[in-house]
Amino acid sequence: MNAASLHPPSHGGAGADLAGAPIPSWALLDLHAYFSDRRNSTTAACLTRDNKEIQVTIFPAHPPRVSYFCVHCRGEEPSGFAREPKIIAADANVLLLRISIGSRNAMLCPSLHEYYVYKASGGADGAPPSLHLLPHPSLYFFYDEQAALLSRVAEFTVVALRDDVSAFHRGSSERNVWTTKAVFVPPERQQGSSGEEGFRFRHETSDVVTIGGEPGTVAFVDMWRGILLFDVLHGDPTLRYIRMPPQLISPCTGYSSPVHTRDSAVVNGHFKVVEFLDKIMTVTGSHSGYINDGWVAATWSKEVFSPHEGSWCPGHKLESRDIHVERNLLLFELLPKVPDDEGKPSDDVGETLYRPPDTQLARW
């Protein structure tokens, strides 16, 4: 566990009441929790499987500042958690959290994972913030990156797709139970010809994008191969398939795994894919090896609801060599001062506890 998780950021403040403060309509929310008994008007609580009270409090901030959340469990010290609680999916003002209480080894034991749905106030139903413990998925185990969340006024649905693309698991507020349903990808939509010798359709979800709409469409993204689209709220078990755009360099080249270099989103009815790569140059001679030769970034886009028509449209492409900066400019002086434990700007970062945020977009 990161020691900085015991020291929440200074903005928000302990006991801050946000009732009269302007709340941003959307926020960049740190996926990993801080441990603190901080409360405000966003605080919601429920009971764990062991009947201990657990609470979640959000501290929203106007972008580009990163919002964060705190978790506190009565009768349980932070050391009693396997890792920091984590947001694994979000849709509108609803969050899906995975919390594991126990030794660090509990992270390797799916039976010890607990899943909670947090709903912020200000939704269409006007309800106060709430925290809801989901039934344990039991045999319907899934990884964090395989889960999606659909929010519909007073209801929500959690879905996860198995990597063998044979079935998806679903839990909802309507029935409060987990169910499974068989699904398939038509051979003509798969990445390659099903007639090829030894061909086997492969899909390993590394990201999930909730598109929503009347059919409740969810995109399960494999950064290597393609995107599977499933209409969760319809009865059709057929998955639609979109191949990913080609990588900037060969997938056989080192340091180029798209799981680490690509990201995806849906913006204004279009899939957006961005790729960022470090460029590597080979050095020969007595000190042969590889050195960094700058970086390159590129984007692609494609309409969501016409997945089989046309191809990806290349967007912007930028290389580090295209950016010219004054050589004598002390760029670090342009950065904001790092706050100390009391929230005051400090020049001394040597002893500062720092945890780089991993963010999720949330709307309030």
Protein backbone atom coordinates (compact mmCIF):
# COMPACT_ATOMS: atom_id res chain seq x y z
CA MET A 1 0.00 0.00 0.00
CA ASN A 2 1.24 3.47 -0.90
CA ALA A 3 2.10 5.50 2.23
CA ALA A 4 0.68 8.60 0.53
CA SER A 5 -2.77 6.98 0.63
CA LEU A 6 -2.93 7.93 4.34
CA HIS A 7 -2.48 11.62 3.46
CA PRO A 8 -5.31 12.95 1.27
CA PRO A 9 -4.72 16.10 -0.80
CA SER A 10 -5.32 19.44 0.89
CA HIS A 11 -8.12 20.64 -1.38
CA GLY A 12 -11.55 19.79 -0.04
CA GLY A 13 -10.42 19.81 3.57
CA ALA A 14 -11.58 17.68 6.47
CA GLY A 15 -15.25 18.15 7.20
CA ALA A 16 -15.82 20.46 4.22
CA ASP A 17 -19.52 21.06 3.53
CA LEU A 18 -20.10 21.30 -0.19
CA ALA A 19 -23.83 22.01 0.02
CA GLY A 20 -23.41 25.68 -0.89
CA ALA A 21 -20.27 25.36 -3.02
CA PRO A 22 -20.33 25.17 -6.84
CA ILE A 23 -19.89 21.55 -7.93
CA PRO A 24 -18.31 20.90 -11.36
CA SER A 25 -20.61 19.22 -13.91
CA TRP A 26 -17.82 16.72 -14.59
CA ALA A 27 -14.57 15.77 -12.90
CA LEU A 28 -11.34 13.82 -13.32
CA LEU A 29 -11.52 11.43 -10.39
CA ASP A 30 -8.53 9.55 -8.96
CA LEU A 31 -9.36 5.84 -9.23
CA HIS A 32 -7.64 4.87 -5.97
CA ALA A 33 -8.98 5.87 -2.56
CA TYR A 34 -7.36 7.67 0.32
CA PHE A 35 -7.98 6.42 3.85
CA SER A 36 -9.54 9.10 6.04
CA ASP A 37 -12.68 9.69 8.10
CA ARG A 38 -13.48 12.85 6.16
CA ARG A 39 -17.13 13.72 5.61
CA ASN A 40 -19.14 16.25 3.62
CA SER A 41 -22.45 16.41 1.77
CA THR A 42 -21.30 13.64 -0.64
CA THR A 43 -20.74 11.07 2.15
CA ALA A 44 -22.69 7.81 1.86
CA ALA A 45 -22.42 4.63 3.93
CA CYS A 46 -23.63 1.03 4.09
CA LEU A 47 -22.60 -2.26 5.74
CA THR A 48 -19.88 -4.61 4.52
CA ARG A 49 -20.39 -8.35 4.28
CA ASP A 50 -19.06 -8.51 7.85
CA ASN A 51 -21.63 -5.93 9.02
CA LYS A 52 -19.09 -3.14 9.52
CA GLU A 53 -20.07 0.38 8.47
CA ILE A 54 -18.07 1.61 5.50
CA GLN A 55 -18.34 5.12 4.07
CA VAL A 56 -17.28 6.84 0.86
CA THR A 57 -16.78 10.61 0.50
CA ILE A 58 -16.04 12.44 -2.74
CA PHE A 59 -14.00 15.64 -2.93
CA PRO A 60 -14.80 17.10 -6.37
CA ALA A 61 -12.54 19.71 -7.91
CA HIS A 62 -12.82 21.73 -11.08
CA PRO A 63 -10.64 20.28 -13.87
CA PRO A 64 -7.77 20.15 -14.58
CA ARG A 65 -7.34 19.61 -10.83
CA VAL A 66 -7.90 15.95 -9.95
CA SER A 67 -10.82 15.06 -7.66
CA TYR A 68 -10.38 12.33 -5.10
CA PHE A 69 -12.36 10.16 -2.68
CA CYS A 70 -11.84 8.84 0.82
CA VAL A 71 -12.91 5.54 2.34
CA HIS A 72 -13.36 4.82 6.04
CA CYS A 73 -14.50 1.59 7.69
CA ARG A 74 -15.45 1.60 11.36
CA GLY A 75 -13.42 -0.94 13.32
CA GLU A 76 -10.97 -1.49 10.44
CA GLU A 77 -7.57 0.19 10.17
CA PRO A 78 -6.14 1.02 6.73
CA SER A 79 -3.64 -1.80 7.30
CA GLY A 80 -6.62 -4.16 7.32
CA PHE A 81 -7.24 -3.51 3.60
CA ALA A 82 -5.43 -5.61 0.98
CA ARG A 83 -4.99 -2.53 -1.23
CA GLU A 84 -6.54 0.88 -1.68
CA PRO A 85 -10.22 0.66 -2.73
CA LYS A 86 -10.51 1.31 -6.45
CA ILE A 87 -13.09 2.70 -8.86
CA ILE A 88 -13.29 0.18 -11.69
CA ALA A 89 -16.15 1.73 -13.70
CA ALA A 90 -18.22 4.90 -13.87
CA ASP A 91 -21.26 6.16 -15.74
CA ALA A 92 -22.77 9.61 -15.18
CA ASN A 93 -22.89 10.13 -11.40
CA VAL A 94 -22.59 6.42 -10.50
CA LEU A 95 -19.35 4.64 -9.54
CA LEU A 96 -18.48 0.95 -9.23
CA LEU A 97 -15.88 0.27 -6.52
CA ARG A 98 -13.88 -2.86 -5.75
CA ILE A 99 -12.83 -3.14 -2.09
CA SER A 100 -10.75 -5.97 -0.63
CA ILE A 101 -10.40 -6.30 3.14
CA GLY A 102 -7.77 -8.69 4.46
CA SER A 103 -4.06 -9.37 3.97
CA ARG A 104 -2.29 -8.36 0.77
CA ASN A 105 -2.87 -11.89 -0.50
CA ALA A 106 -6.61 -11.14 -0.49
CA MET A 107 -6.05 -9.38 -3.83
CA LEU A 108 -5.33 -12.82 -5.30
CA CYS A 109 -8.53 -14.30 -3.86
CA PRO A 110 -11.66 -13.21 -5.78
CA SER A 111 -13.91 -14.53 -3.02
CA LEU A 112 -12.65 -11.71 -0.76
CA HIS A 113 -13.46 -8.92 -3.22
CA GLU A 114 -16.49 -6.78 -2.41
CA TYR A 115 -18.22 -4.61 -4.99
CA TYR A 116 -20.06 -1.40 -4.13
CA VAL A 117 -22.08 1.05 -6.21
CA TYR A 118 -21.84 4.69 -5.12
CA LYS A 119 -24.37 7.17 -6.49
CA ALA A 120 -23.81 10.89 -6.07
CA SER A 121 -26.70 13.27 -5.43
CA GLY A 122 -27.96 15.58 -8.14
CA GLY A 123 -29.21 12.88 -10.52
CA ALA A 124 -32.51 12.91 -12.38
CA ASP A 125 -34.26 11.24 -9.44
CA GLY A 126 -33.08 13.89 -6.95
CA ALA A 127 -32.05 11.23 -4.42
CA PRO A 128 -29.32 11.84 -1.81
CA PRO A 129 -25.92 10.13 -2.20
CA SER A 130 -26.04 6.39 -1.59
CA LEU A 131 -23.72 3.39 -1.25
CA HIS A 132 -24.93 -0.10 -2.15
CA LEU A 133 -23.16 -3.45 -1.55
CA LEU A 134 -23.61 -5.81 -4.51
CA PRO A 135 -24.10 -9.54 -3.96
CA HIS A 136 -20.81 -11.37 -4.45
CA PRO A 137 -20.46 -12.54 -8.09
CA SER A 138 -19.12 -15.91 -6.86
CA LEU A 139 -18.41 -18.06 -9.94
CA TYR A 140 -18.93 -15.05 -12.22
CA PHE A 141 -15.42 -13.77 -11.50
CA PHE A 142 -14.11 -10.87 -13.60
CA TYR A 143 -11.07 -8.59 -13.68
CA ASP A 144 -11.27 -4.86 -13.01
CA GLU A 145 -10.67 -3.93 -16.65
CA GLN A 146 -13.54 -6.19 -17.85
CA ALA A 147 -16.34 -4.44 -15.95
CA ALA A 148 -18.76 -1.78 -17.18
CA LEU A 149 -21.50 0.21 -15.47
CA LEU A 150 -24.79 1.41 -16.95
CA SER A 151 -26.78 4.06 -15.08
CA ARG A 152 -30.49 4.64 -15.77
CA VAL A 153 -32.16 7.22 -13.43
CA ALA A 154 -32.83 5.17 -10.26
CA GLU A 155 -31.37 1.89 -11.60
CA PHE A 156 -27.95 0.57 -12.56
CA THR A 157 -26.52 -2.48 -14.31
CA VAL A 158 -23.01 -3.97 -13.95
CA VAL A 159 -21.73 -6.13 -16.82
CA ALA A 160 -18.50 -8.02 -17.54
CA LEU A 161 -17.48 -9.95 -20.66
CA ARG A 162 -15.47 -13.16 -20.47
CA ASP A 163 -12.29 -13.19 -22.53
CA ASP A 164 -13.38 -16.30 -24.42
CA VAL A 165 -16.36 -14.18 -25.62
CA SER A 166 -18.77 -17.00 -24.85
CA ALA A 167 -20.80 -15.24 -22.18
CA PHE A 168 -21.25 -12.03 -20.23
CA HIS A 169 -22.15 -11.61 -16.58
CA ARG A 170 -24.73 -9.12 -15.35
CA GLY A 171 -25.74 -7.75 -11.97
CA SER A 172 -28.44 -5.11 -11.58
CA SER A 173 -30.36 -3.11 -8.99
CA GLU A 174 -33.60 -4.52 -10.41
CA ARG A 175 -33.01 -8.14 -9.37
CA ASN A 176 -29.96 -7.80 -7.07
CA VAL A 177 -28.55 -11.09 -8.38
CA TRP A 178 -25.88 -12.04 -10.90
CA THR A 179 -26.87 -13.77 -14.14
CA THR A 180 -24.96 -15.03 -17.17
CA LYS A 181 -25.92 -15.02 -20.84
CA ALA A 182 -24.34 -16.72 -23.86
CA VAL A 183 -23.11 -14.35 -26.60
CA PHE A 184 -21.17 -14.76 -29.84
CA VAL A 185 -19.37 -12.88 -32.64
CA PRO A 186 -20.48 -13.85 -36.19
CA PRO A 187 -17.53 -15.40 -38.11
CA GLU A 188 -17.72 -12.77 -40.85
CA ARG A 189 -17.17 -10.05 -38.24
CA GLN A 190 -14.09 -11.59 -36.64
CA GLN A 191 -10.51 -10.31 -37.12
CA GLY A 192 -9.53 -12.52 -40.02
CA SER A 193 -11.07 -15.28 -42.06
CA SER A 194 -12.64 -18.08 -40.05
CA GLY A 195 -11.58 -20.36 -42.90
CA GLU A 196 -7.89 -19.81 -42.24
CA GLU A 197 -6.10 -22.89 -40.97
CA GLY A 198 -5.52 -22.67 -37.24
CA PHE A 199 -7.49 -19.43 -36.95
CA ARG A 200 -9.00 -18.75 -33.54
CA PHE A 201 -10.86 -15.60 -32.64
CA ARG A 202 -9.13 -13.81 -29.76
CA HIS A 203 -10.22 -10.93 -27.59
CA GLU A 204 -8.63 -9.75 -24.33
CA THR A 205 -10.46 -6.78 -22.85
CA SER A 206 -8.11 -4.09 -21.56
CA ASP A 207 -10.61 -1.22 -21.38
CA VAL A 208 -14.39 -0.74 -21.31
CA VAL A 209 -16.32 2.28 -22.60
CA THR A 210 -19.98 2.80 -21.70
CA ILE A 211 -21.82 4.30 -24.67
CA GLY A 212 -25.34 3.89 -23.25
CA GLY A 213 -28.35 5.08 -25.19
CA GLU A 214 -31.64 3.20 -25.43
CA PRO A 215 -29.95 -0.20 -26.11
CA GLY A 216 -27.40 0.31 -23.31
CA THR A 217 -24.42 -0.19 -25.61
CA VAL A 218 -21.06 -1.10 -24.05
CA ALA A 219 -17.72 -1.31 -25.88
CA PHE A 220 -15.20 -3.91 -24.71
CA VAL A 221 -11.83 -2.78 -26.07
CA ASP A 222 -8.86 -5.00 -26.89
CA MET A 223 -6.06 -2.52 -27.63
CA TRP A 224 -4.25 -5.15 -29.70
CA ARG A 225 -7.08 -6.35 -31.91
CA GLY A 226 -10.48 -4.67 -31.83
CA ILE A 227 -13.65 -3.48 -30.11
CA LEU A 228 -16.69 -5.60 -29.28
CA LEU A 229 -20.02 -3.76 -29.04
CA PHE A 230 -22.85 -5.26 -27.04
CA ASP A 231 -26.37 -3.89 -26.51
CA VAL A 232 -26.86 -4.91 -22.89
CA LEU A 233 -30.53 -3.93 -22.60
CA HIS A 234 -31.61 -5.74 -25.80
CA GLY A 235 -32.15 -9.48 -26.13
CA ASP A 236 -29.87 -10.01 -29.15
CA PRO A 237 -26.79 -12.05 -28.11
CA THR A 238 -24.81 -10.97 -31.20
CA LEU A 239 -21.70 -8.87 -30.62
CA ARG A 240 -20.58 -6.36 -33.25
CA TYR A 241 -16.87 -6.15 -33.97
CA ILE A 242 -14.59 -3.28 -35.04
CA ARG A 243 -10.92 -3.85 -35.83
CA MET A 244 -8.46 -1.47 -34.20
CA PRO A 245 -6.41 0.84 -36.44
CA PRO A 246 -2.86 -0.37 -37.25
CA GLN A 247 -0.17 0.38 -34.71
CA LEU A 248 2.38 3.10 -35.35
CA ILE A 249 5.12 0.45 -35.41
CA SER A 250 5.27 -3.32 -35.69
CA PRO A 251 3.82 -5.17 -32.68
CA CYS A 252 7.02 -7.27 -32.69
CA THR A 253 9.14 -4.24 -31.82
CA GLY A 254 10.06 -3.78 -28.16
CA TYR A 255 8.31 -1.25 -25.95
CA SER A 256 5.25 -1.16 -28.19
CA SER A 257 2.50 -3.08 -26.36
CA PRO A 258 -0.71 -1.16 -27.16
CA VAL A 259 -2.04 -2.03 -23.71
CA HIS A 260 0.46 0.53 -22.40
CA THR A 261 0.66 2.92 -25.35
CA ARG A 262 -3.01 3.27 -26.39
CA ASP A 263 -6.20 4.62 -24.88
CA SER A 264 -9.76 4.94 -26.16
CA ALA A 265 -12.88 7.01 -25.56
CA VAL A 266 -16.20 7.91 -27.17
CA VAL A 267 -16.55 11.60 -28.04
CA ASN A 268 -19.56 13.08 -29.89
CA GLY A 269 -20.63 9.74 -31.34
CA HIS A 270 -17.13 8.75 -32.48
CA PHE A 271 -14.59 6.31 -31.14
CA LYS A 272 -11.31 8.09 -30.47
CA VAL A 273 -8.05 6.16 -30.18
CA VAL A 274 -4.79 7.82 -29.17
CA GLU A 275 -1.37 6.17 -29.24
CA PHE A 276 1.81 7.51 -27.62
CA LEU A 277 5.16 5.83 -28.22
CA ASP A 278 8.73 6.38 -27.16
CA LYS A 279 11.00 6.19 -30.17
CA ILE A 280 13.99 3.90 -29.70
CA MET A 281 17.25 4.24 -31.64
CA THR A 282 19.84 1.46 -31.94
CA VAL A 283 23.41 2.38 -31.02
CA THR A 284 26.27 0.30 -32.40
CA GLY A 285 29.93 0.14 -31.51
CA SER A 286 31.68 -0.51 -28.21
CA HIS A 287 28.62 0.68 -26.26
CA SER A 288 25.90 -0.88 -28.37
CA GLY A 289 22.31 -0.84 -27.16
CA TYR A 290 19.20 1.31 -27.34
CA ILE A 291 18.58 4.95 -26.46
CA ASN A 292 15.48 7.12 -26.40
CA ASP A 293 15.01 9.12 -29.59
CA GLY A 294 11.99 11.23 -28.61
CA TRP A 295 8.34 10.27 -28.95
CA VAL A 296 5.46 10.21 -31.41
CA ALA A 297 1.68 10.52 -30.80
CA ALA A 298 -1.22 9.89 -33.18
CA THR A 299 -5.03 9.76 -33.10
CA TRP A 300 -7.75 7.97 -35.09
CA SER A 301 -11.55 8.26 -35.09
CA LYS A 302 -14.54 6.25 -36.32
CA GLU A 303 -18.30 6.56 -36.01
CA VAL A 304 -19.71 4.35 -33.27
CA PHE A 305 -23.00 3.32 -34.84
CA SER A 306 -21.73 2.52 -38.33
CA PRO A 307 -18.94 0.13 -37.23
CA HIS A 308 -18.73 -1.89 -40.45
CA GLU A 309 -18.71 0.98 -42.93
CA GLY A 310 -15.46 2.60 -43.93
CA SER A 311 -12.22 2.59 -41.98
CA TRP A 312 -10.60 4.56 -39.20
CA CYS A 313 -9.92 8.18 -40.08
CA PRO A 314 -6.39 9.31 -39.18
CA GLY A 315 -6.38 12.41 -37.02
CA HIS A 316 -3.45 14.35 -35.67
CA LYS A 317 0.13 13.09 -35.56
CA LEU A 318 2.87 14.81 -33.59
CA GLU A 319 6.53 14.04 -32.94
CA SER A 320 8.66 15.51 -30.19
CA ARG A 321 11.09 16.91 -32.75
CA ASP A 322 8.25 19.12 -34.05
CA ILE A 323 8.10 21.00 -30.72
CA HIS A 324 10.61 23.81 -30.29
CA VAL A 325 11.31 25.17 -26.80
CA GLU A 326 13.64 27.93 -25.64
CA ARG A 327 16.76 26.10 -24.51
CA ASN A 328 17.49 28.48 -21.61
CA LEU A 329 13.96 28.45 -20.21
CA LEU A 330 13.75 26.85 -16.74
CA LEU A 331 10.56 24.90 -17.41
CA PHE A 332 10.27 23.56 -13.87
CA GLU A 333 9.68 27.11 -12.65
CA LEU A 334 6.37 27.11 -14.54
CA LEU A 335 5.05 24.22 -12.42
CA PRO A 336 2.84 24.97 -9.39
CA LYS A 337 4.41 24.58 -5.96
CA VAL A 338 3.83 21.22 -4.27
CA PRO A 339 1.69 21.64 -1.11
CA ASP A 340 3.05 20.34 2.18
CA ASP A 341 0.97 18.42 4.77
CA GLU A 342 -0.69 21.68 5.85
CA GLY A 343 -1.60 22.63 2.29
CA LYS A 344 0.98 25.42 2.05
CA PRO A 345 3.14 25.79 -1.11
CA SER A 346 6.56 24.26 -0.58
CA ASP A 347 9.81 24.25 -2.56
CA ASP A 348 11.08 21.14 -0.78
CA VAL A 349 9.79 18.05 -2.57
CA GLY A 350 12.41 15.68 -1.20
CA GLU A 351 10.26 14.41 1.67
CA THR A 352 6.88 14.91 -0.01
CA LEU A 353 4.65 11.82 -0.14
CA TYR A 354 3.39 11.61 -3.71
CA ARG A 355 0.98 9.24 -5.44
CA PRO A 356 0.48 9.83 -9.18
CA PRO A 357 -3.28 9.81 -9.88
CA ASP A 358 -4.91 7.31 -12.23
CA THR A 359 -8.09 9.05 -13.35
CA GLN A 360 -11.66 8.30 -14.41
CA LEU A 361 -14.12 10.76 -15.93
CA ALA A 362 -17.22 11.24 -13.75
CA ARG A 363 -20.26 13.48 -14.26
CA TRP A 364 -22.30 14.99 -11.45
